[in-house]
N, C-alpha and C. Protein backbone atom coordinates (compact mmCIF):
# COMPACT_ATOMS: atom_id res chain seq x y z
N MET A 1 94.14 115.47 73.96
CA MET A 1 94.06 115.64 75.91
C MET A 1 93.16 116.20 76.03
N LEU A 2 92.78 116.48 77.21
CA LEU A 2 91.94 117.08 77.49
C LEU A 2 91.82 118.64 78.32
N CYS A 3 92.82 119.49 77.39
CA CYS A 3 92.66 120.53 77.66
C CYS A 3 91.28 121.60 77.06
N GLY A 4 90.91 122.04 78.45
CA GLY A 4 89.65 123.39 77.80
C GLY A 4 88.75 122.09 77.82
N LYS A 5 88.37 120.93 77.79
CA LYS A 5 87.40 120.02 77.55
C LYS A 5 86.28 120.11 79.00
N LYS A 6 85.23 120.19 79.01
CA LYS A 6 84.05 120.08 80.01
C LYS A 6 83.66 119.02 80.87
N LEU A 7 84.03 118.51 81.86
CA LEU A 7 83.78 117.14 82.64
C LEU A 7 82.52 116.83 82.97
N ILE A 8 81.68 115.46 82.94
CA ILE A 8 80.71 115.08 83.45
C ILE A 8 81.17 114.14 84.30
N ILE A 9 81.19 114.03 85.06
CA ILE A 9 82.12 112.65 86.11
C ILE A 9 80.49 111.68 86.91
N PHE A 10 80.51 110.43 86.53
CA PHE A 10 79.25 109.95 86.96
C PHE A 10 80.27 108.79 87.60
N CYS A 11 79.95 108.70 89.11
CA CYS A 11 79.94 107.81 90.05
C CYS A 11 79.24 106.66 90.76
N THR A 12 79.94 105.43 90.49
CA THR A 12 79.22 104.31 90.73
C THR A 12 79.70 104.33 92.37
N GLN A 13 79.01 103.49 93.52
CA GLN A 13 79.10 103.40 94.84
C GLN A 13 78.36 102.09 95.39
N MET A 14 78.53 101.51 96.36
CA MET A 14 77.89 100.74 97.01
C MET A 14 77.40 101.14 98.17
N LEU A 15 78.10 101.66 99.06
CA LEU A 15 77.56 102.57 100.39
C LEU A 15 78.32 103.58 100.68
N PHE A 16 79.73 103.08 100.23
CA PHE A 16 80.66 104.75 100.54
C PHE A 16 80.33 105.65 99.45
N SER A 17 81.29 106.83 99.60
CA SER A 17 81.24 107.96 98.56
C SER A 17 81.67 109.09 99.21
N GLY A 18 80.37 109.96 99.63
CA GLY A 18 80.86 111.11 99.89
C GLY A 18 81.24 112.16 98.56
N ASP A 19 82.56 112.07 98.27
CA ASP A 19 83.22 112.90 97.23
C ASP A 19 84.11 112.44 96.05
N GLY A 20 83.39 111.05 96.12
CA GLY A 20 83.45 110.45 94.98
C GLY A 20 84.19 110.89 93.81
N ALA A 21 83.37 111.74 93.04
CA ALA A 21 83.07 112.92 91.92
C ALA A 21 84.20 113.65 91.96
N ARG A 22 83.97 114.67 93.24
CA ARG A 22 85.55 115.43 93.13
C ARG A 22 86.93 114.77 93.52
N ALA A 23 87.12 113.78 94.66
CA ALA A 23 88.12 112.92 94.36
C ALA A 23 88.88 112.49 92.99
N PHE A 24 87.88 112.04 91.92
CA PHE A 24 88.25 112.20 90.58
C PHE A 24 88.88 113.25 90.07
N ALA A 25 88.32 114.06 90.05
CA ALA A 25 88.33 115.39 89.24
C ALA A 25 89.82 115.79 89.95
N ARG A 26 89.93 115.86 90.95
CA ARG A 26 91.60 116.31 91.18
C ARG A 26 92.61 115.25 91.05
N LEU A 27 92.36 114.44 89.96
CA LEU A 27 93.44 113.78 89.63
C LEU A 27 93.43 114.06 88.22
N LEU A 28 92.66 114.86 87.92
CA LEU A 28 93.33 115.65 86.46
C LEU A 28 93.67 116.62 86.65
N PRO A 29 94.35 116.85 85.86
CA PRO A 29 94.85 118.35 85.92
C PRO A 29 93.72 119.68 85.56
N GLY A 30 93.82 120.54 86.21
CA GLY A 30 92.53 121.79 86.48
C GLY A 30 91.41 120.73 86.35
N GLY A 31 90.99 119.60 86.81
CA GLY A 31 89.96 119.03 86.43
C GLY A 31 88.69 119.55 87.48
N GLU A 32 88.74 120.19 88.63
CA GLU A 32 88.14 120.52 89.48
C GLU A 32 87.10 122.03 88.87
N ASP A 33 87.87 122.51 88.34
CA ASP A 33 87.47 123.58 87.04
C ASP A 33 87.15 123.63 86.33
N ARG A 34 86.98 122.04 85.20
CA ARG A 34 86.16 121.86 84.38
C ARG A 34 85.07 121.17 84.33
N VAL A 35 84.65 120.79 85.87
CA VAL A 35 83.56 119.95 85.56
C VAL A 35 82.34 120.69 85.78
N ILE A 36 81.31 120.20 85.11
CA ILE A 36 80.01 121.27 84.88
C ILE A 36 78.82 120.39 85.65
N TYR A 37 78.94 119.08 85.70
CA TYR A 37 78.39 118.08 86.56
C TYR A 37 78.68 116.44 86.94
N THR A 38 78.32 116.25 88.24
CA THR A 38 78.50 115.15 88.72
C THR A 38 77.22 114.11 89.35
N GLU A 39 77.28 112.86 89.25
CA GLU A 39 76.54 112.65 89.95
C GLU A 39 76.76 111.00 90.07
N HIS A 40 76.32 110.36 91.63
CA HIS A 40 76.74 109.01 92.22
C HIS A 40 75.07 108.36 92.35
N PHE A 41 75.40 107.09 91.78
CA PHE A 41 74.78 106.42 91.37
C PHE A 41 75.00 105.11 92.42
N LEU A 42 74.13 104.70 93.29
CA LEU A 42 74.16 103.38 93.82
C LEU A 42 73.97 102.29 93.33
N MET A 43 75.07 101.35 93.34
CA MET A 43 74.74 99.89 92.38
C MET A 43 74.89 98.87 93.32
N PRO A 44 74.58 97.88 92.89
CA PRO A 44 74.42 96.71 93.58
C PRO A 44 76.47 96.50 94.28
N ASN A 45 76.29 95.52 95.44
CA ASN A 45 77.57 95.23 95.89
C ASN A 45 78.21 93.72 94.95
N ASN A 46 79.41 94.31 94.76
CA ASN A 46 80.00 93.17 94.06
C ASN A 46 81.15 92.61 94.76
N ILE A 47 81.55 92.64 96.20
CA ILE A 47 82.38 92.31 96.99
C ILE A 47 81.64 91.01 97.57
N CYS A 48 82.45 89.95 97.19
CA CYS A 48 81.84 88.38 97.45
C CYS A 48 82.68 87.62 98.48
N ASN A 49 83.62 88.24 98.92
CA ASN A 49 84.00 87.69 99.97
C ASN A 49 84.23 87.93 101.42
N PHE A 50 83.42 89.04 101.71
CA PHE A 50 83.31 89.96 102.80
C PHE A 50 82.03 89.76 103.36
N ALA A 51 81.91 89.10 104.70
CA ALA A 51 80.23 89.04 105.17
C ALA A 51 79.58 90.08 105.29
N LEU A 52 80.27 90.98 105.87
CA LEU A 52 79.92 92.26 106.01
C LEU A 52 79.12 93.08 105.13
N PHE A 53 79.27 92.55 103.41
CA PHE A 53 79.00 93.16 102.63
C PHE A 53 78.57 92.30 101.79
N PRO A 54 77.23 91.13 101.99
CA PRO A 54 76.74 89.80 101.29
C PRO A 54 76.01 90.55 100.09
N ILE A 55 76.52 89.57 99.47
CA ILE A 55 75.12 89.96 98.11
C ILE A 55 74.20 89.37 98.19
N ARG A 56 72.75 89.95 97.48
CA ARG A 56 71.73 90.13 98.29
C ARG A 56 70.85 89.06 96.66
N GLU A 57 70.15 88.21 97.00
CA GLU A 57 69.40 87.78 95.80
C GLU A 57 69.05 88.87 95.30
N LYS A 58 68.00 89.95 95.49
CA LYS A 58 67.82 90.99 95.29
C LYS A 58 68.75 91.63 94.02
N GLU A 59 69.85 92.36 94.72
CA GLU A 59 70.99 92.69 93.84
C GLU A 59 71.38 91.82 92.76
N ARG A 60 71.47 90.53 92.70
CA ARG A 60 71.90 89.66 91.56
C ARG A 60 71.01 89.56 90.73
N LEU A 61 69.50 89.24 90.66
CA LEU A 61 68.42 89.48 89.90
C LEU A 61 68.33 90.84 89.19
N GLN A 62 68.09 91.63 89.61
CA GLN A 62 67.85 92.86 88.76
C GLN A 62 68.69 93.86 88.45
N LYS A 63 68.28 94.57 87.64
CA LYS A 63 68.99 95.88 87.67
C LYS A 63 68.29 97.12 88.51
N PRO A 64 69.65 97.84 88.61
CA PRO A 64 69.33 98.61 90.01
C PRO A 64 68.19 99.70 89.44
N PRO A 65 67.10 99.96 89.74
CA PRO A 65 66.03 100.57 89.35
C PRO A 65 65.73 102.08 89.59
N LYS A 66 66.40 101.86 90.75
CA LYS A 66 66.95 103.43 91.43
C LYS A 66 67.85 104.03 90.48
N ALA A 67 69.31 103.44 90.12
CA ALA A 67 70.17 104.10 89.51
C ALA A 67 69.55 104.44 87.93
N LEU A 68 69.06 103.55 87.30
CA LEU A 68 68.32 103.29 85.88
C LEU A 68 67.59 104.73 85.60
N LYS A 69 66.64 104.90 86.78
CA LYS A 69 65.45 106.42 87.37
C LYS A 69 66.59 107.30 87.29
N ARG A 70 67.60 107.69 88.12
CA ARG A 70 68.37 108.29 88.00
C ARG A 70 68.95 109.02 86.86
N LEU A 71 69.76 107.65 86.17
CA LEU A 71 70.25 108.18 84.90
C LEU A 71 69.62 108.67 84.30
N ASP A 72 68.25 108.36 83.74
CA ASP A 72 67.00 108.90 82.89
C ASP A 72 67.11 110.48 83.36
N ARG A 73 66.99 110.60 84.62
CA ARG A 73 66.36 112.01 84.79
C ARG A 73 67.74 113.37 84.27
N VAL A 74 68.98 112.59 84.95
CA VAL A 74 70.06 113.22 84.88
C VAL A 74 70.22 113.64 82.97
N CYS A 75 69.88 112.41 82.46
CA CYS A 75 70.36 112.61 80.58
C CYS A 75 69.53 113.82 80.67
N ALA A 76 67.86 113.70 80.78
CA ALA A 76 67.00 114.70 80.32
C ALA A 76 67.23 115.86 80.98
N GLY A 77 68.20 116.49 82.20
CA GLY A 77 68.39 117.70 82.85
C GLY A 77 69.65 118.28 81.71
N LEU A 78 70.71 117.17 81.86
CA LEU A 78 71.70 117.53 80.57
C LEU A 78 71.22 118.14 79.09
N GLN A 79 70.13 117.35 79.00
CA GLN A 79 69.55 118.07 77.55
C GLN A 79 69.21 118.96 77.78
N LYS A 80 68.60 119.35 78.94
CA LYS A 80 67.51 121.06 79.22
C LYS A 80 68.55 122.03 79.76
N GLY A 81 69.94 121.55 79.66
CA GLY A 81 70.47 122.58 80.31
C GLY A 81 71.16 122.63 81.84
N ILE A 82 70.13 121.37 82.36
CA ILE A 82 70.33 121.77 83.76
C ILE A 82 71.98 121.28 84.75
N VAL A 83 72.26 122.28 85.58
CA VAL A 83 73.86 121.56 85.87
C VAL A 83 73.81 121.59 87.34
N LYS A 84 74.13 120.24 87.93
CA LYS A 84 74.28 119.75 88.96
C LYS A 84 75.51 119.33 89.72
N LYS A 85 75.99 119.46 90.75
CA LYS A 85 77.55 119.02 91.56
C LYS A 85 77.18 118.08 92.47
N ARG A 86 76.57 117.03 92.57
CA ARG A 86 76.33 116.40 93.25
C ARG A 86 77.66 115.63 94.12
N GLY A 87 77.76 115.75 95.05
CA GLY A 87 78.90 114.91 95.76
C GLY A 87 79.90 116.30 96.28
N TRP A 88 79.28 117.56 95.79
CA TRP A 88 80.82 118.81 95.80
C TRP A 88 80.36 119.54 96.91
N ASN A 89 79.64 119.55 97.79
CA ASN A 89 79.47 120.33 98.73
C ASN A 89 80.11 120.17 100.18
N TRP A 90 80.33 121.21 101.12
CA TRP A 90 81.21 120.91 102.69
C TRP A 90 81.22 119.26 102.87
N PHE A 91 79.88 119.35 102.76
CA PHE A 91 79.30 117.87 103.70
C PHE A 91 80.36 116.34 102.96
N SER A 92 79.39 116.35 101.44
CA SER A 92 80.35 115.77 101.11
C SER A 92 81.75 115.50 101.15
N THR A 93 82.31 116.70 101.12
CA THR A 93 83.61 116.64 101.55
C THR A 93 84.45 116.01 102.38
N LEU A 94 83.58 116.23 103.55
CA LEU A 94 83.69 115.62 105.00
C LEU A 94 84.01 114.35 104.87
N LEU A 95 82.51 113.83 104.53
CA LEU A 95 82.12 112.43 104.65
C LEU A 95 83.25 111.66 103.77
N GLY A 96 83.54 112.17 102.67
CA GLY A 96 84.82 111.50 101.75
C GLY A 96 86.03 111.20 102.30
N LYS A 97 86.60 112.92 103.22
CA LYS A 97 87.55 112.65 104.05
C LYS A 97 87.87 111.71 105.25
N VAL A 98 86.40 111.68 106.01
CA VAL A 98 86.29 110.89 106.92
C VAL A 98 86.43 109.14 106.10
N GLN A 99 85.58 109.07 105.47
CA GLN A 99 85.86 107.54 104.70
C GLN A 99 87.50 107.37 104.37
N ASN A 100 88.11 108.45 103.81
CA ASN A 100 89.23 108.10 103.24
C ASN A 100 90.48 108.08 103.95
N VAL A 101 90.61 108.26 105.50
CA VAL A 101 91.07 108.45 106.48
C VAL A 101 91.85 106.75 106.35
N SER A 102 91.08 105.85 105.89
CA SER A 102 92.39 104.64 105.73
C SER A 102 92.33 103.96 104.68
N TRP A 103 91.46 104.66 103.60
CA TRP A 103 92.07 104.14 102.32
C TRP A 103 93.09 103.89 101.54
N PRO A 104 93.87 105.35 101.62
CA PRO A 104 95.12 105.08 100.98
C PRO A 104 96.24 103.62 100.91
N LYS A 105 95.79 103.33 102.62
CA LYS A 105 96.94 102.47 102.76
C LYS A 105 96.00 101.04 102.40
N ILE A 106 94.71 101.18 102.58
CA ILE A 106 94.10 99.92 101.99
C ILE A 106 94.51 99.46 100.56
N GLU A 107 94.50 100.48 99.93
CA GLU A 107 94.76 100.20 98.24
C GLU A 107 95.77 100.22 98.48
N GLN A 108 97.06 100.85 98.82
CA GLN A 108 98.17 100.43 98.69
C GLN A 108 98.58 98.72 98.69
N GLN A 109 98.17 98.67 100.12
CA GLN A 109 97.94 96.74 100.05
C GLN A 109 97.40 96.36 99.13
N GLY A 110 96.46 96.42 98.74
CA GLY A 110 95.55 95.95 97.53
C GLY A 110 96.04 95.72 96.55
N ARG A 111 97.07 96.32 95.95
CA ARG A 111 97.80 96.79 95.11
C ARG A 111 98.50 95.42 94.38
N SER A 112 99.08 94.81 95.20
CA SER A 112 99.85 93.27 95.54
C SER A 112 98.89 92.40 96.10
N SER A 113 97.59 92.03 95.86
CA SER A 113 97.25 91.28 96.94
C SER A 113 96.41 89.83 96.23
N PHE A 114 96.78 89.83 94.79
CA PHE A 114 95.81 88.88 93.76
C PHE A 114 96.77 87.67 94.34
N LEU A 115 95.45 86.46 94.61
CA LEU A 115 96.52 85.09 94.58
C LEU A 115 95.34 84.50 93.99
N ALA A 116 95.77 83.34 93.27
CA ALA A 116 94.75 82.68 92.80
C ALA A 116 95.74 81.14 93.20
N ASP A 117 94.71 80.61 94.31
CA ASP A 117 95.07 78.94 94.74
C ASP A 117 95.24 77.93 93.60
N GLU A 118 95.41 76.43 94.65
CA GLU A 118 96.13 75.53 93.85
C GLU A 118 94.49 74.73 92.66
N SER A 119 93.33 75.32 92.86
CA SER A 119 91.98 74.87 92.10
C SER A 119 92.08 75.73 90.64
N CYS A 120 93.30 76.57 90.64
CA CYS A 120 93.38 77.31 89.37
C CYS A 120 93.27 76.50 88.20
N ILE A 121 93.04 76.88 87.04
CA ILE A 121 93.04 75.69 85.80
C ILE A 121 93.94 76.74 84.72
N GLY A 122 94.18 78.03 85.22
CA GLY A 122 94.74 78.39 84.04
C GLY A 122 94.24 79.09 82.78
N CYS A 123 92.72 79.04 83.06
CA CYS A 123 91.57 79.35 81.97
C CYS A 123 92.07 80.83 81.19
N GLY A 124 92.43 81.77 82.36
CA GLY A 124 93.04 83.24 81.54
C GLY A 124 91.61 84.42 81.78
N LEU A 125 90.61 84.26 81.81
CA LEU A 125 89.46 84.82 82.18
C LEU A 125 89.71 85.73 83.18
N CYS A 126 90.26 85.66 83.79
CA CYS A 126 90.53 86.62 85.08
C CYS A 126 91.75 87.58 84.37
N VAL A 127 92.52 87.10 83.93
CA VAL A 127 93.43 88.06 82.71
C VAL A 127 92.89 88.85 81.98
N LYS A 128 91.84 88.37 81.42
CA LYS A 128 91.09 89.03 80.29
C LYS A 128 90.40 90.37 80.32
N SER A 129 89.55 89.73 81.93
CA SER A 129 88.49 90.65 82.36
C SER A 129 89.20 91.62 83.63
N CYS A 130 90.41 91.83 83.51
CA CYS A 130 91.24 92.26 84.80
C CYS A 130 91.49 93.99 83.36
N PRO A 131 90.77 95.25 84.52
CA PRO A 131 90.87 96.18 83.45
C PRO A 131 92.31 97.33 84.14
N ALA A 132 92.86 96.91 84.88
CA ALA A 132 94.02 97.39 85.14
C ALA A 132 95.11 96.81 84.53
N HIS A 133 94.76 95.43 83.65
CA HIS A 133 95.92 94.78 83.14
C HIS A 133 96.95 94.75 84.32
N ASN A 134 96.23 93.95 85.75
CA ASN A 134 97.31 93.46 86.31
C ASN A 134 97.93 92.16 86.27
N LEU A 135 96.87 91.12 85.85
CA LEU A 135 97.79 89.95 85.53
C LEU A 135 97.70 89.27 84.06
N GLU A 136 98.59 88.42 84.40
CA GLU A 136 99.15 87.87 83.06
C GLU A 136 99.28 86.13 83.13
N LEU A 137 99.09 85.36 82.17
CA LEU A 137 98.99 83.78 82.46
C LEU A 137 100.51 83.67 81.88
N ILE A 138 101.15 83.17 82.53
CA ILE A 138 102.83 82.63 81.88
C ILE A 138 103.32 81.08 82.86
N GLU A 139 102.93 80.51 81.37
CA GLU A 139 103.22 79.07 82.01
C GLU A 139 101.87 78.26 82.78
N GLY A 140 100.76 78.68 82.13
CA GLY A 140 99.31 78.03 83.11
C GLY A 140 99.05 78.79 84.57
N ARG A 141 100.23 79.71 84.84
CA ARG A 141 99.78 80.17 86.17
C ARG A 141 100.02 81.59 86.05
N VAL A 142 98.43 81.95 86.93
CA VAL A 142 98.51 83.67 86.81
C VAL A 142 99.44 84.26 87.54
N VAL A 143 99.84 85.54 86.90
CA VAL A 143 100.83 86.38 87.93
C VAL A 143 100.35 87.62 87.31
N GLN A 144 100.59 88.28 88.93
CA GLN A 144 100.14 89.98 89.37
C GLN A 144 101.05 90.56 88.74
N LYS A 145 101.20 92.08 88.62
CA LYS A 145 101.86 93.04 88.04
C LYS A 145 102.12 93.94 89.54
N ASP A 146 101.00 93.90 90.42
CA ASP A 146 101.35 94.55 91.69
C ASP A 146 100.45 95.97 91.04
N ASN A 147 99.41 95.84 90.11
CA ASN A 147 98.33 96.77 90.48
C ASN A 147 97.41 96.91 90.23
N CYS A 148 96.89 95.78 91.34
CA CYS A 148 95.50 95.56 91.57
C CYS A 148 94.58 96.71 92.11
N THR A 149 93.14 96.86 91.35
CA THR A 149 92.37 98.14 91.51
C THR A 149 91.25 97.77 92.60
N LEU A 150 91.45 96.47 93.10
CA LEU A 150 90.53 96.04 93.80
C LEU A 150 88.81 96.19 93.34
N CYS A 151 88.66 95.75 92.14
CA CYS A 151 87.60 95.75 91.18
C CYS A 151 86.81 94.29 90.98
N TYR A 152 87.31 93.47 91.88
CA TYR A 152 86.45 92.32 92.06
C TYR A 152 86.31 91.28 90.85
N ARG A 153 86.78 91.85 89.75
CA ARG A 153 86.36 91.12 88.56
C ARG A 153 86.78 89.67 88.62
N CYS A 154 88.11 89.84 88.92
CA CYS A 154 88.70 88.47 88.86
C CYS A 154 88.17 87.06 89.69
N VAL A 155 87.90 87.92 90.64
CA VAL A 155 87.22 87.31 91.94
C VAL A 155 85.56 86.55 91.00
N ASN A 156 85.05 87.28 91.08
CA ASN A 156 83.73 87.01 90.44
C ASN A 156 83.47 86.29 89.36
N LEU A 157 84.86 86.19 88.55
CA LEU A 157 84.16 85.61 87.02
C LEU A 157 84.96 84.32 87.04
N CYS A 158 85.67 84.08 88.34
CA CYS A 158 86.33 82.65 87.94
C CYS A 158 86.04 81.61 87.91
N PRO A 159 85.38 80.99 87.48
CA PRO A 159 84.73 79.69 87.27
C PRO A 159 85.14 78.82 88.06
N LYS A 160 86.39 78.53 88.89
CA LYS A 160 86.59 77.84 90.02
C LYS A 160 86.75 78.59 91.14
N GLN A 161 86.36 80.12 91.32
CA GLN A 161 86.58 80.53 92.76
C GLN A 161 87.82 79.94 93.14
N SER A 162 88.44 80.33 91.97
CA SER A 162 90.30 80.56 92.61
C SER A 162 90.91 81.70 92.79
N CYS A 163 90.41 82.83 92.58
CA CYS A 163 91.15 84.38 92.67
C CYS A 163 90.26 84.52 93.82
N THR A 164 91.20 85.54 94.74
CA THR A 164 90.74 86.13 95.75
C THR A 164 91.62 87.31 95.61
N VAL A 165 91.22 88.79 96.12
CA VAL A 165 92.25 90.40 96.44
C VAL A 165 91.85 90.59 97.73
N PHE A 166 92.79 90.83 98.28
CA PHE A 166 92.72 91.70 99.61
C PHE A 166 92.25 90.61 100.70
N LEU A 167 90.93 90.14 100.60
CA LEU A 167 90.76 88.97 101.65
C LEU A 167 90.84 87.64 101.08
N HIS A 168 91.78 86.88 101.30
CA HIS A 168 91.56 85.65 100.48
C HIS A 168 91.05 84.58 101.40
N LYS A 169 89.50 84.50 101.38
CA LYS A 169 88.50 83.92 101.72
C LYS A 169 87.74 83.85 99.93
N LYS A 170 87.42 82.20 100.12
CA LYS A 170 86.80 81.76 98.55
C LYS A 170 85.21 82.58 98.88
N PRO A 171 85.11 82.98 97.80
CA PRO A 171 83.86 83.60 97.82
C PRO A 171 82.31 82.49 98.15
N VAL A 172 81.23 82.62 98.49
CA VAL A 172 80.51 81.85 98.66
C VAL A 172 79.72 82.29 97.56
N LYS A 173 79.48 83.29 97.21
CA LYS A 173 78.36 83.30 95.86
C LYS A 173 79.19 84.70 95.43
N GLN A 174 79.52 84.52 93.98
CA GLN A 174 79.84 85.47 93.27
C GLN A 174 78.65 86.35 92.57
N TYR A 175 79.22 87.39 92.37
CA TYR A 175 78.49 88.38 91.46
C TYR A 175 78.69 88.54 90.33
N LYS A 176 77.77 88.08 89.22
CA LYS A 176 77.61 87.80 87.94
C LYS A 176 76.84 89.17 87.38
N GLY A 177 76.73 90.30 87.93
CA GLY A 177 76.36 90.97 87.21
C GLY A 177 74.46 90.96 87.17
N PRO A 178 73.84 92.14 86.72
CA PRO A 178 72.56 91.93 86.98
C PRO A 178 71.82 90.51 86.11
N ALA A 179 71.35 89.95 86.85
CA ALA A 179 70.73 88.65 85.99
C ALA A 179 71.81 87.90 85.96
N GLY A 180 73.03 87.94 86.43
CA GLY A 180 73.86 86.97 85.62
C GLY A 180 74.04 85.67 86.40
């Protein structure tokens, strides 16, 4: 159990965040009181079927250099005992609340939004890669358990681009990770 342990929270973001670390801490019993360090890292976009967030070639080809430099600074600071709580101030909290007005409803709709179209070959890659264990392969078809977290792994890894979540539009380009 986590009783009495101190927490260091690293949040990743594309362009939304604000109070991501604090929001996560609120999910844990006594979490806000145990946090000693928080940091937010700007990461590449992995949403591949929404025109407002196109995957850029630069994101696809390189590791996020700013995030790696920030991680180095954070680790060096932690070793020296430097404590920071980025995203813990009033402005970050306000920014998070503004962004989160509609997010709970979107998240709830997204829980059961996975679809695999007729081009699905039943390879099971989406099932194996789902961190929420939302997918199951039954008689060659992918079935969801209504627990999708909208991470987009299935959408980005599907060899036939059969999988979609929330926005049911086939991706033009999939995000395979840095240099993927």
